[in-house]
Amino acid sequence: PRHRKGRRRRRPGWPGSRRAGHRRAQPCWPQLDQEALVAALDSGRLSAAMIDVTDPEPLPSGHPFWSHPKIILTPHVASVTQPATAARAVIDNIKRHRAGLDPIGLVDRSRGY
């Protein structure tokens, strides 16, 4: 199958497998066939999917990924953790907490992730 601009779409994998979808600023990677993913999850061919990057982003309200029980959406945050910067972020948030401020990167659960 093809997606826009002639790129090949990724098909869901082997029966019972799980899929983690991510794309970090690499538009040459094939796009995920969202309809095929939902069909594979519904049929049991895939047992779960974790999606960090979507097309479009953000997904519109009512998109099936928001409510599908086998899909976990994250808000485009997947990356390799760098110990030095991660430690600095934790220290900064501890200081903010002690000062009575909200931490940086606070998750808004009302948005679905």
PDB file of N, CA and C in Angstrom:
ATOM      1  N   PRO A   1       0.814  -1.197   0.000  1.00  0.00           N
ATOM      2  CA  PRO A   1       0.000   0.000   0.000  1.00  0.00           C
ATOM      3  C   PRO A   1       0.858   1.261   0.000  1.00  0.00           C
ATOM      4  N   ARG A   2       0.295   2.311  -0.550  1.00  0.00           N
ATOM      5  CA  ARG A   2       1.017   3.578  -0.641  1.00  0.00           C
ATOM      6  C   ARG A   2       0.346   4.645   0.201  1.00  0.00           C
ATOM      7  N   HIS A   3       1.128   5.568   0.662  1.00  0.00           N
ATOM      8  CA  HIS A   3       0.650   6.728   1.413  1.00  0.00           C
ATOM      9  C   HIS A   3       1.041   7.943   0.589  1.00  0.00           C
ATOM     10  N   ARG A   4       0.730   9.138   1.071  1.00  0.00           N
ATOM     11  CA  ARG A   4       1.018  10.316   0.270  1.00  0.00           C
ATOM     12  C   ARG A   4       2.475  10.374  -0.170  1.00  0.00           C
ATOM     13  N   LYS A   5       2.685  11.006  -1.297  1.00  0.00           N
ATOM     14  CA  LYS A   5       4.006  11.175  -1.897  1.00  0.00           C
ATOM     15  C   LYS A   5       4.681   9.846  -2.217  1.00  0.00           C
ATOM     16  N   GLY A   6       3.902   8.795  -2.435  1.00  0.00           N
ATOM     17  CA  GLY A   6       4.448   7.530  -2.880  1.00  0.00           C
ATOM     18  C   GLY A   6       5.201   6.726  -1.837  1.00  0.00           C
ATOM     19  N   ARG A   7       5.182   7.169  -0.581  1.00  0.00           N
ATOM     20  CA  ARG A   7       5.888   6.406   0.456  1.00  0.00           C
ATOM     21  C   ARG A   7       5.104   5.143   0.788  1.00  0.00           C
ATOM     22  N   ARG A   8       5.825   4.078   1.063  1.00  0.00           N
ATOM     23  CA  ARG A   8       5.163   2.834   1.449  1.00  0.00           C
ATOM     24  C   ARG A   8       4.673   2.948   2.875  1.00  0.00           C
ATOM     25  N   ARG A   9       3.488   2.395   3.116  1.00  0.00           N
ATOM     26  CA  ARG A   9       2.941   2.369   4.474  1.00  0.00           C
ATOM     27  C   ARG A   9       3.417   1.113   5.176  1.00  0.00           C
ATOM     28  N   ARG A  10       3.631   1.219   6.466  1.00  0.00           N
ATOM     29  CA  ARG A  10       4.006   0.045   7.252  1.00  0.00           C
ATOM     30  C   ARG A  10       2.777  -0.786   7.534  1.00  0.00           C
ATOM     31  N   ARG A  11       2.938  -2.073   7.408  1.00  0.00           N
ATOM     32  CA  ARG A  11       1.849  -2.990   7.732  1.00  0.00           C
ATOM     33  C   ARG A  11       2.089  -3.548   9.123  1.00  0.00           C
ATOM     34  N   PRO A  12       1.005  -3.848   9.838  1.00  0.00           N
ATOM     35  CA  PRO A  12       1.169  -4.497  11.144  1.00  0.00           C
ATOM     36  C   PRO A  12       1.898  -5.832  11.005  1.00  0.00           C
ATOM     37  N   GLY A  13       2.588  -6.262  12.061  1.00  0.00           N
ATOM     38  CA  GLY A  13       3.466  -7.429  12.026  1.00  0.00           C
ATOM     39  C   GLY A  13       2.819  -8.772  12.270  1.00  0.00           C
ATOM     40  N   TRP A  14       3.549  -9.661  12.913  1.00  0.00           N
ATOM     41  CA  TRP A  14       3.151 -11.040  13.129  1.00  0.00           C
ATOM     42  C   TRP A  14       2.021 -11.154  14.141  1.00  0.00           C
ATOM     43  N   PRO A  15       1.256 -12.262  14.089  1.00  0.00           N
ATOM     44  CA  PRO A  15       0.148 -12.440  15.034  1.00  0.00           C
ATOM     45  C   PRO A  15       0.609 -12.319  16.488  1.00  0.00           C
ATOM     46  N   GLY A  16      -0.126 -11.512  17.254  1.00  0.00           N
ATOM     47  CA  GLY A  16       0.164 -11.339  18.669  1.00  0.00           C
ATOM     48  C   GLY A  16       1.294 -10.374  18.981  1.00  0.00           C
ATOM     49  N   SER A  17       1.958  -9.839  17.955  1.00  0.00           N
ATOM     50  CA  SER A  17       3.074  -8.932  18.218  1.00  0.00           C
ATOM     51  C   SER A  17       2.567  -7.575  18.691  1.00  0.00           C
ATOM     52  N   ARG A  18       3.482  -6.781  19.190  1.00  0.00           N
ATOM     53  CA  ARG A  18       3.159  -5.424  19.628  1.00  0.00           C
ATOM     54  C   ARG A  18       3.928  -4.457  18.758  1.00  0.00           C
ATOM     55  N   ARG A  19       3.397  -3.275  18.632  1.00  0.00           N
ATOM     56  CA  ARG A  19       4.036  -2.285  17.774  1.00  0.00           C
ATOM     57  C   ARG A  19       4.247  -0.998  18.553  1.00  0.00           C
ATOM     58  N   ALA A  20       5.447  -0.471  18.494  1.00  0.00           N
ATOM     59  CA  ALA A  20       5.741   0.845  19.062  1.00  0.00           C
ATOM     60  C   ALA A  20       6.046   1.761  17.891  1.00  0.00           C
ATOM     61  N   GLY A  21       5.270   2.805  17.744  1.00  0.00           N
ATOM     62  CA  GLY A  21       5.448   3.702  16.607  1.00  0.00           C
ATOM     63  C   GLY A  21       6.084   5.007  17.032  1.00  0.00           C
ATOM     64  N   HIS A  22       7.153   5.382  16.363  1.00  0.00           N
ATOM     65  CA  HIS A  22       7.791   6.662  16.639  1.00  0.00           C
ATOM     66  C   HIS A  22       8.476   7.137  15.370  1.00  0.00           C
ATOM     67  N   ARG A  23       8.658   8.447  15.278  1.00  0.00           N
ATOM     68  CA  ARG A  23       9.370   9.009  14.132  1.00  0.00           C
ATOM     69  C   ARG A  23       9.938  10.337  14.583  1.00  0.00           C
ATOM     70  N   ARG A  24      11.203  10.414  14.771  1.00  0.00           N
ATOM     71  CA  ARG A  24      11.860  11.624  15.262  1.00  0.00           C
ATOM     72  C   ARG A  24      12.425  12.413  14.092  1.00  0.00           C
ATOM     73  N   ALA A  25      11.654  13.353  13.577  1.00  0.00           N
ATOM     74  CA  ALA A  25      12.125  14.268  12.539  1.00  0.00           C
ATOM     75  C   ALA A  25      12.757  13.536  11.361  1.00  0.00           C
ATOM     76  N   GLN A  26      12.147  12.444  10.970  1.00  0.00           N
ATOM     77  CA  GLN A  26      12.660  11.691   9.837  1.00  0.00           C
ATOM     78  C   GLN A  26      11.526  11.446   8.849  1.00  0.00           C
ATOM     79  N   PRO A  27      11.166  12.459   8.051  1.00  0.00           N
ATOM     80  CA  PRO A  27      10.023  12.334   7.163  1.00  0.00           C
ATOM     81  C   PRO A  27      10.190  11.280   6.083  1.00  0.00           C
ATOM     82  N   CYS A  28      11.395  10.749   5.897  1.00  0.00           N
ATOM     83  CA  CYS A  28      11.572   9.727   4.866  1.00  0.00           C
ATOM     84  C   CYS A  28      11.088   8.359   5.336  1.00  0.00           C
ATOM     85  N   TRP A  29      10.857   8.191   6.640  1.00  0.00           N
ATOM     86  CA  TRP A  29      10.359   6.912   7.136  1.00  0.00           C
ATOM     87  C   TRP A  29       8.943   6.700   6.643  1.00  0.00           C
ATOM     88  N   PRO A  30       8.588   5.448   6.355  1.00  0.00           N
ATOM     89  CA  PRO A  30       7.201   5.186   5.944  1.00  0.00           C
ATOM     90  C   PRO A  30       6.215   5.522   7.059  1.00  0.00           C
ATOM     91  N   GLN A  31       5.055   5.968   6.657  1.00  0.00           N
ATOM     92  CA  GLN A  31       3.995   6.283   7.609  1.00  0.00           C
ATOM     93  C   GLN A  31       3.247   5.015   7.991  1.00  0.00           C
ATOM     94  N   LEU A  32       2.709   5.001   9.184  1.00  0.00           N
ATOM     95  CA  LEU A  32       1.916   3.885   9.664  1.00  0.00           C
ATOM     96  C   LEU A  32       0.543   3.919   9.008  1.00  0.00           C
ATOM     97  N   ASP A  33       0.080   2.804   8.517  1.00  0.00           N
ATOM     98  CA  ASP A  33      -1.272   2.689   7.965  1.00  0.00           C
ATOM     99  C   ASP A  33      -2.221   2.558   9.150  1.00  0.00           C
ATOM    100  N   GLN A  34      -2.844   3.658   9.543  1.00  0.00           N
ATOM    101  CA  GLN A  34      -3.662   3.697  10.748  1.00  0.00           C
ATOM    102  C   GLN A  34      -4.867   2.760  10.660  1.00  0.00           C
ATOM    103  N   GLU A  35      -5.510   2.700   9.512  1.00  0.00           N
ATOM    104  CA  GLU A  35      -6.669   1.808   9.364  1.00  0.00           C
ATOM    105  C   GLU A  35      -6.251   0.349   9.498  1.00  0.00           C
ATOM    106  N   ALA A  36      -5.115  -0.003   8.913  1.00  0.00           N
ATOM    107  CA  ALA A  36      -4.627  -1.382   9.013  1.00  0.00           C
ATOM    108  C   ALA A  36      -4.235  -1.716  10.454  1.00  0.00           C
ATOM    109  N   LEU A  37      -3.684  -0.738  11.164  1.00  0.00           N
ATOM    110  CA  LEU A  37      -3.321  -0.967  12.561  1.00  0.00           C
ATOM    111  C   LEU A  37      -4.556  -1.267  13.398  1.00  0.00           C
ATOM    112  N   VAL A  38      -5.597  -0.451  13.262  1.00  0.00           N
ATOM    113  CA  VAL A  38      -6.833  -0.680  14.021  1.00  0.00           C
ATOM    114  C   VAL A  38      -7.425  -2.041  13.660  1.00  0.00           C
ATOM    115  N   ALA A  39      -7.431  -2.390  12.384  1.00  0.00           N
ATOM    116  CA  ALA A  39      -7.964  -3.688  11.958  1.00  0.00           C
ATOM    117  C   ALA A  39      -7.151  -4.833  12.559  1.00  0.00           C
ATOM    118  N   ALA A  40      -5.828  -4.693  12.584  1.00  0.00           N
ATOM    119  CA  ALA A  40      -4.970  -5.744  13.148  1.00  0.00           C
ATOM    120  C   ALA A  40      -5.183  -5.886  14.652  1.00  0.00           C
ATOM    121  N   LEU A  41      -5.393  -4.772  15.340  1.00  0.00           N
ATOM    122  CA  LEU A  41      -5.669  -4.832  16.780  1.00  0.00           C
ATOM    123  C   LEU A  41      -7.029  -5.465  17.042  1.00  0.00           C
ATOM    124  N   ASP A  42      -8.024  -5.080  16.258  1.00  0.00           N
ATOM    125  CA  ASP A  42      -9.374  -5.620  16.443  1.00  0.00           C
ATOM    126  C   ASP A  42      -9.441  -7.114  16.141  1.00  0.00           C
ATOM    127  N   SER A  43      -8.632  -7.579  15.188  1.00  0.00           N
ATOM    128  CA  SER A  43      -8.649  -8.998  14.819  1.00  0.00           C
ATOM    129  C   SER A  43      -7.784  -9.854  15.736  1.00  0.00           C
ATOM    130  N   GLY A  44      -6.925  -9.221  16.541  1.00  0.00           N
ATOM    131  CA  GLY A  44      -6.014  -9.970  17.403  1.00  0.00           C
ATOM    132  C   GLY A  44      -4.671 -10.240  16.767  1.00  0.00           C
ATOM    133  N   ARG A  45      -4.497  -9.837  15.509  1.00  0.00           N
ATOM    134  CA  ARG A  45      -3.196 -10.034  14.855  1.00  0.00           C
ATOM    135  C   ARG A  45      -2.098  -9.297  15.631  1.00  0.00           C
ATOM    136  N   LEU A  46      -2.432  -8.122  16.148  1.00  0.00           N
ATOM    137  CA  LEU A  46      -1.554  -7.390  17.061  1.00  0.00           C
ATOM    138  C   LEU A  46      -2.227  -7.330  18.417  1.00  0.00           C
ATOM    139  N   SER A  47      -1.438  -7.431  19.476  1.00  0.00           N
ATOM    140  CA  SER A  47      -2.036  -7.388  20.813  1.00  0.00           C
ATOM    141  C   SER A  47      -2.057  -5.984  21.402  1.00  0.00           C
ATOM    142  N   ALA A  48      -1.178  -5.100  20.936  1.00  0.00           N
ATOM    143  CA  ALA A  48      -1.136  -3.736  21.469  1.00  0.00           C
ATOM    144  C   ALA A  48      -0.294  -2.863  20.555  1.00  0.00           C
ATOM    145  N   ALA A  49      -0.483  -1.548  20.688  1.00  0.00           N
ATOM    146  CA  ALA A  49       0.336  -0.585  19.948  1.00  0.00           C
ATOM    147  C   ALA A  49       0.597   0.621  20.834  1.00  0.00           C
ATOM    148  N   MET A  50       1.825   1.101  20.803  1.00  0.00           N
ATOM    149  CA  MET A  50       2.187   2.330  21.509  1.00  0.00           C
ATOM    150  C   MET A  50       2.616   3.333  20.448  1.00  0.00           C
ATOM    151  N   ILE A  51       1.927   4.457  20.386  1.00  0.00           N
ATOM    152  CA  ILE A  51       2.158   5.436  19.331  1.00  0.00           C
ATOM    153  C   ILE A  51       2.604   6.753  19.955  1.00  0.00           C
ATOM    154  N   ASP A  52       3.747   7.263  19.509  1.00  0.00           N
ATOM    155  CA  ASP A  52       4.269   8.528  20.022  1.00  0.00           C
ATOM    156  C   ASP A  52       4.107   9.656  19.007  1.00  0.00           C
ATOM    157  N   VAL A  53       4.121   9.352  17.737  1.00  0.00           N
ATOM    158  CA  VAL A  53       4.001  10.355  16.684  1.00  0.00           C
ATOM    159  C   VAL A  53       2.852   9.959  15.779  1.00  0.00           C
ATOM    160  N   THR A  54       1.973  10.904  15.489  1.00  0.00           N
ATOM    161  CA  THR A  54       0.814  10.616  14.648  1.00  0.00           C
ATOM    162  C   THR A  54       0.793  11.540  13.439  1.00  0.00           C
ATOM    163  N   ASP A  55      -0.009  11.177  12.469  1.00  0.00           N
ATOM    164  CA  ASP A  55      -0.207  11.992  11.280  1.00  0.00           C
ATOM    165  C   ASP A  55      -1.698  12.047  11.004  1.00  0.00           C
ATOM    166  N   PRO A  56      -2.342  13.167  11.248  1.00  0.00           N
ATOM    167  CA  PRO A  56      -1.797  14.463  11.656  1.00  0.00           C
ATOM    168  C   PRO A  56      -1.475  14.478  13.143  1.00  0.00           C
ATOM    169  N   GLU A  57      -0.754  15.501  13.534  1.00  0.00           N
ATOM    170  CA  GLU A  57      -0.418  15.672  14.940  1.00  0.00           C
ATOM    171  C   GLU A  57      -0.771  17.087  15.366  1.00  0.00           C
ATOM    172  N   PRO A  58      -1.567  17.253  16.390  1.00  0.00           N
ATOM    173  CA  PRO A  58      -2.216  16.204  17.183  1.00  0.00           C
ATOM    174  C   PRO A  58      -3.384  15.577  16.426  1.00  0.00           C
ATOM    175  N   LEU A  59      -3.777  14.397  16.867  1.00  0.00           N
ATOM    176  CA  LEU A  59      -4.932  13.736  16.265  1.00  0.00           C
ATOM    177  C   LEU A  59      -6.193  14.530  16.577  1.00  0.00           C
ATOM    178  N   PRO A  60      -7.141  14.546  15.639  1.00  0.00           N
ATOM    179  CA  PRO A  60      -8.399  15.240  15.924  1.00  0.00           C
ATOM    180  C   PRO A  60      -9.203  14.495  16.986  1.00  0.00           C
ATOM    181  N   SER A  61     -10.032  15.236  17.717  1.00  0.00           N
ATOM    182  CA  SER A  61     -10.900  14.563  18.692  1.00  0.00           C
ATOM    183  C   SER A  61     -11.805  13.616  17.919  1.00  0.00           C
ATOM    184  N   GLY A  62     -12.124  12.491  18.507  1.00  0.00           N
ATOM    185  CA  GLY A  62     -12.941  11.498  17.834  1.00  0.00           C
ATOM    186  C   GLY A  62     -12.144  10.486  17.024  1.00  0.00           C
ATOM    187  N   HIS A  63     -10.834  10.696  16.873  1.00  0.00           N
ATOM    188  CA  HIS A  63     -10.004   9.729  16.141  1.00  0.00           C
ATOM    189  C   HIS A  63     -10.011   8.416  16.916  1.00  0.00           C
ATOM    190  N   PRO A  64     -10.084   7.266  16.223  1.00  0.00           N
ATOM    191  CA  PRO A  64     -10.167   5.976  16.918  1.00  0.00           C
ATOM    192  C   PRO A  64      -8.988   5.667  17.839  1.00  0.00           C
ATOM    193  N   PHE A  65      -7.828   6.232  17.604  1.00  0.00           N
ATOM    194  CA  PHE A  65      -6.686   5.970  18.482  1.00  0.00           C
ATOM    195  C   PHE A  65      -6.948   6.457  19.903  1.00  0.00           C
ATOM    196  N   TRP A  66      -7.714   7.548  20.075  1.00  0.00           N
ATOM    197  CA  TRP A  66      -7.962   8.102  21.403  1.00  0.00           C
ATOM    198  C   TRP A  66      -8.707   7.129  22.308  1.00  0.00           C
ATOM    199  N   SER A  67      -9.614   6.347  21.735  1.00  0.00           N
ATOM    200  CA  SER A  67     -10.471   5.498  22.566  1.00  0.00           C
ATOM    201  C   SER A  67     -10.195   4.006  22.427  1.00  0.00           C
ATOM    202  N   HIS A  68      -9.280   3.620  21.554  1.00  0.00           N
ATOM    203  CA  HIS A  68      -9.041   2.188  21.342  1.00  0.00           C
ATOM    204  C   HIS A  68      -8.382   1.583  22.578  1.00  0.00           C
ATOM    205  N   PRO A  69      -8.941   0.495  23.123  1.00  0.00           N
ATOM    206  CA  PRO A  69      -8.407  -0.082  24.362  1.00  0.00           C
ATOM    207  C   PRO A  69      -7.019  -0.713  24.224  1.00  0.00           C
ATOM    208  N   LYS A  70      -6.570  -0.972  23.003  1.00  0.00           N
ATOM    209  CA  LYS A  70      -5.264  -1.604  22.812  1.00  0.00           C
ATOM    210  C   LYS A  70      -4.196  -0.624  22.319  1.00  0.00           C
ATOM    211  N   ILE A  71      -4.531   0.667  22.286  1.00  0.00           N
ATOM    212  CA  ILE A  71      -3.574   1.675  21.830  1.00  0.00           C
ATOM    213  C   ILE A  71      -3.211   2.593  22.988  1.00  0.00           C
ATOM    214  N   ILE A  72      -1.914   2.774  23.181  1.00  0.00           N
ATOM    215  CA  ILE A  72      -1.403   3.737  24.155  1.00  0.00           C
ATOM    216  C   ILE A  72      -0.783   4.877  23.355  1.00  0.00           C
ATOM    217  N   LEU A  73      -1.284   6.093  23.568  1.00  0.00           N
ATOM    218  CA  LEU A  73      -0.744   7.278  22.896  1.00  0.00           C
ATOM    219  C   LEU A  73       0.128   8.066  23.862  1.00  0.00           C
ATOM    220  N   THR A  74       1.264   8.504  23.378  1.00  0.00           N
ATOM    221  CA  THR A  74       2.095   9.420  24.148  1.00  0.00           C
ATOM    222  C   THR A  74       2.251  10.700  23.321  1.00  0.00           C
ATOM    223  N   PRO A  75       2.482  11.835  23.971  1.00  0.00           N
ATOM    224  CA  PRO A  75       2.463  13.123  23.278  1.00  0.00           C
ATOM    225  C   PRO A  75       3.783  13.525  22.615  1.00  0.00           C
ATOM    226  N   HIS A  76       4.306  12.676  21.734  1.00  0.00           N
ATOM    227  CA  HIS A  76       5.511  12.970  20.954  1.00  0.00           C
ATOM    228  C   HIS A  76       6.687  13.333  21.872  1.00  0.00           C
ATOM    229  N   VAL A  77       6.946  12.442  22.806  1.00  0.00           N
ATOM    230  CA  VAL A  77       8.021  12.679  23.771  1.00  0.00           C
ATOM    231  C   VAL A  77       9.070  11.568  23.792  1.00  0.00           C
ATOM    232  N   ALA A  78       8.914  10.538  22.982  1.00  0.00           N
ATOM    233  CA  ALA A  78       9.860   9.422  23.013  1.00  0.00           C
ATOM    234  C   ALA A  78      11.230   9.878  22.519  1.00  0.00           C
ATOM    235  N   SER A  79      12.235   9.567  23.281  1.00  0.00           N
ATOM    236  CA  SER A  79      13.606   9.865  22.880  1.00  0.00           C
ATOM    237  C   SER A  79      14.552   9.149  23.839  1.00  0.00           C
ATOM    238  N   VAL A  80      15.811   9.223  23.549  1.00  0.00           N
ATOM    239  CA  VAL A  80      16.827   8.651  24.419  1.00  0.00           C
ATOM    240  C   VAL A  80      17.066   9.636  25.561  1.00  0.00           C
ATOM    241  N   THR A  81      17.062   9.138  26.786  1.00  0.00           N
ATOM    242  CA  THR A  81      17.303   9.996  27.943  1.00  0.00           C
ATOM    243  C   THR A  81      18.797  10.232  28.114  1.00  0.00           C
ATOM    244  N   GLN A  82      19.170  11.482  28.202  1.00  0.00           N
ATOM    245  CA  GLN A  82      20.557  11.860  28.463  1.00  0.00           C
ATOM    246  C   GLN A  82      20.694  12.093  29.968  1.00  0.00           C
ATOM    247  N   PRO A  83      21.502  11.298  30.666  1.00  0.00           N
ATOM    248  CA  PRO A  83      21.585  11.407  32.127  1.00  0.00           C
ATOM    249  C   PRO A  83      21.829  12.827  32.647  1.00  0.00           C
ATOM    250  N   ALA A  84      22.714  13.566  32.027  1.00  0.00           N
ATOM    251  CA  ALA A  84      23.038  14.904  32.535  1.00  0.00           C
ATOM    252  C   ALA A  84      21.834  15.844  32.438  1.00  0.00           C
ATOM    253  N   THR A  85      21.156  15.835  31.292  1.00  0.00           N
ATOM    254  CA  THR A  85      20.010  16.740  31.143  1.00  0.00           C
ATOM    255  C   THR A  85      18.815  16.247  31.945  1.00  0.00           C
ATOM    256  N   ALA A  86      18.653  14.934  32.062  1.00  0.00           N
ATOM    257  CA  ALA A  86      17.540  14.396  32.853  1.00  0.00           C
ATOM    258  C   ALA A  86      17.725  14.747  34.327  1.00  0.00           C
ATOM    259  N   ALA A  87      18.934  14.609  34.829  1.00  0.00           N
ATOM    260  CA  ALA A  87      19.206  14.949  36.229  1.00  0.00           C
ATOM    261  C   ALA A  87      18.947  16.431  36.483  1.00  0.00           C
ATOM    262  N   ARG A  88      19.352  17.272  35.549  1.00  0.00           N
ATOM    263  CA  ARG A  88      19.125  18.715  35.695  1.00  0.00           C
ATOM    264  C   ARG A  88      17.627  19.014  35.727  1.00  0.00           C
ATOM    265  N   ALA A  89      16.853  18.346  34.871  1.00  0.00           N
ATOM    266  CA  ALA A  89      15.401  18.567  34.834  1.00  0.00           C
ATOM    267  C   ALA A  89      14.750  18.140  36.148  1.00  0.00           C
ATOM    268  N   VAL A  90      15.190  17.015  36.704  1.00  0.00           N
ATOM    269  CA  VAL A  90      14.642  16.549  37.982  1.00  0.00           C
ATOM    270  C   VAL A  90      14.979  17.545  39.093  1.00  0.00           C
ATOM    271  N   ILE A  91      16.211  17.983  39.130  1.00  0.00           N
ATOM    272  CA  ILE A  91      16.621  18.962  40.153  1.00  0.00           C
ATOM    273  C   ILE A  91      15.814  20.254  40.016  1.00  0.00           C
ATOM    274  N   ASP A  92      15.665  20.737  38.775  1.00  0.00           N
ATOM    275  CA  ASP A  92      14.891  21.968  38.553  1.00  0.00           C
ATOM    276  C   ASP A  92      13.446  21.806  39.014  1.00  0.00           C
ATOM    277  N   ASN A  93      12.846  20.643  38.745  1.00  0.00           N
ATOM    278  CA  ASN A  93      11.456  20.435  39.165  1.00  0.00           C
ATOM    279  C   ASN A  93      11.331  20.288  40.682  1.00  0.00           C
ATOM    280  N   ILE A  94      12.320  19.717  41.327  1.00  0.00           N
ATOM    281  CA  ILE A  94      12.305  19.661  42.799  1.00  0.00           C
ATOM    282  C   ILE A  94      12.344  21.079  43.364  1.00  0.00           C
ATOM    283  N   LYS A  95      13.195  21.917  42.791  1.00  0.00           N
ATOM    284  CA  LYS A  95      13.269  23.317  43.229  1.00  0.00           C
ATOM    285  C   LYS A  95      11.940  24.034  42.998  1.00  0.00           C
ATOM    286  N   ARG A  96      11.302  23.779  41.850  1.00  0.00           N
ATOM    287  CA  ARG A  96      10.010  24.403  41.558  1.00  0.00           C
ATOM    288  C   ARG A  96       8.957  23.938  42.568  1.00  0.00           C
ATOM    289  N   HIS A  97       8.955  22.643  42.867  1.00  0.00           N
ATOM    290  CA  HIS A  97       7.999  22.097  43.832  1.00  0.00           C
ATOM    291  C   HIS A  97       8.185  22.750  45.204  1.00  0.00           C
ATOM    292  N   ARG A  98       9.414  22.860  45.641  1.00  0.00           N
ATOM    293  CA  ARG A  98       9.702  23.481  46.939  1.00  0.00           C
ATOM    294  C   ARG A  98       9.286  24.955  46.973  1.00  0.00           C
ATOM    295  N   ALA A  99       9.309  25.596  45.798  1.00  0.00           N
ATOM    296  CA  ALA A  99       8.915  27.005  45.715  1.00  0.00           C
ATOM    297  C   ALA A  99       7.407  27.164  45.519  1.00  0.00           C
ATOM    298  N   GLY A 100       6.681  26.031  45.495  1.00  0.00           N
ATOM    299  CA  GLY A 100       5.232  26.090  45.325  1.00  0.00           C
ATOM    300  C   GLY A 100       4.782  26.247  43.885  1.00  0.00           C
ATOM    301  N   LEU A 101       5.673  25.978  42.931  1.00  0.00           N
ATOM    302  CA  LEU A 101       5.351  26.099  41.507  1.00  0.00           C
ATOM    303  C   LEU A 101       5.041  24.734  40.909  1.00  0.00           C
ATOM    304  N   ASP A 102       4.289  24.726  39.807  1.00  0.00           N
ATOM    305  CA  ASP A 102       4.038  23.480  39.081  1.00  0.00           C
ATOM    306  C   ASP A 102       5.329  23.020  38.409  1.00  0.00           C
ATOM    307  N   PRO A 103       5.519  21.703  38.306  1.00  0.00           N
ATOM    308  CA  PRO A 103       6.707  21.207  37.612  1.00  0.00           C
ATOM    309  C   PRO A 103       6.613  21.461  36.110  1.00  0.00           C
ATOM    310  N   ILE A 104       7.755  21.556  35.475  1.00  0.00           N
ATOM    311  CA  ILE A 104       7.808  21.666  34.017  1.00  0.00           C
ATOM    312  C   ILE A 104       7.477  20.293  33.447  1.00  0.00           C
ATOM    313  N   GLY A 105       6.665  20.256  32.399  1.00  0.00           N
ATOM    314  CA  GLY A 105       6.314  18.990  31.758  1.00  0.00           C
ATOM    315  C   GLY A 105       5.153  18.281  32.408  1.00  0.00           C
ATOM    316  N   LEU A 106       4.357  19.001  33.177  1.00  0.00           N
ATOM    317  CA  LEU A 106       3.208  18.405  33.850  1.00  0.00           C
ATOM    318  C   LEU A 106       2.226  17.859  32.815  1.00  0.00           C
ATOM    319  N   VAL A 107       1.765  16.637  32.995  1.00  0.00           N
ATOM    320  CA  VAL A 107       0.848  15.985  32.060  1.00  0.00           C
ATOM    321  C   VAL A 107      -0.577  16.420  32.346  1.00  0.00           C
ATOM    322  N   ASP A 108      -1.319  16.744  31.290  1.00  0.00           N
ATOM    323  CA  ASP A 108      -2.729  17.109  31.408  1.00  0.00           C
ATOM    324  C   ASP A 108      -3.561  15.875  31.073  1.00  0.00           C
ATOM    325  N   ARG A 109      -3.951  15.116  32.086  1.00  0.00           N
ATOM    326  CA  ARG A 109      -4.686  13.866  31.868  1.00  0.00           C
ATOM    327  C   ARG A 109      -6.033  14.086  31.192  1.00  0.00           C
ATOM    328  N   SER A 110      -6.599  15.273  31.308  1.00  0.00           N
ATOM    329  CA  SER A 110      -7.889  15.540  30.668  1.00  0.00           C
ATOM    330  C   SER A 110      -7.779  15.522  29.149  1.00  0.00           C
ATOM    331  N   ARG A 111      -6.544  15.620  28.616  1.00  0.00           N
ATOM    332  CA  ARG A 111      -6.339  15.583  27.166  1.00  0.00           C
ATOM    333  C   ARG A 111      -6.184  14.156  26.649  1.00  0.00           C
ATOM    334  N   GLY A 112      -6.181  13.172  27.547  1.00  0.00           N
ATOM    335  CA  GLY A 112      -6.161  11.783  27.113  1.00  0.00           C
ATOM    336  C   GLY A 112      -4.806  11.122  27.133  1.00  0.00           C
ATOM    337  N   TYR A 113      -3.784  11.811  27.586  1.00  0.00           N
ATOM    338  CA  TYR A 113      -2.459  11.205  27.689  1.00  0.00           C
ATOM    339  C   TYR A 113      -1.665  11.869  28.770  1.00  0.00           C
TER     340      TYR A 113
END
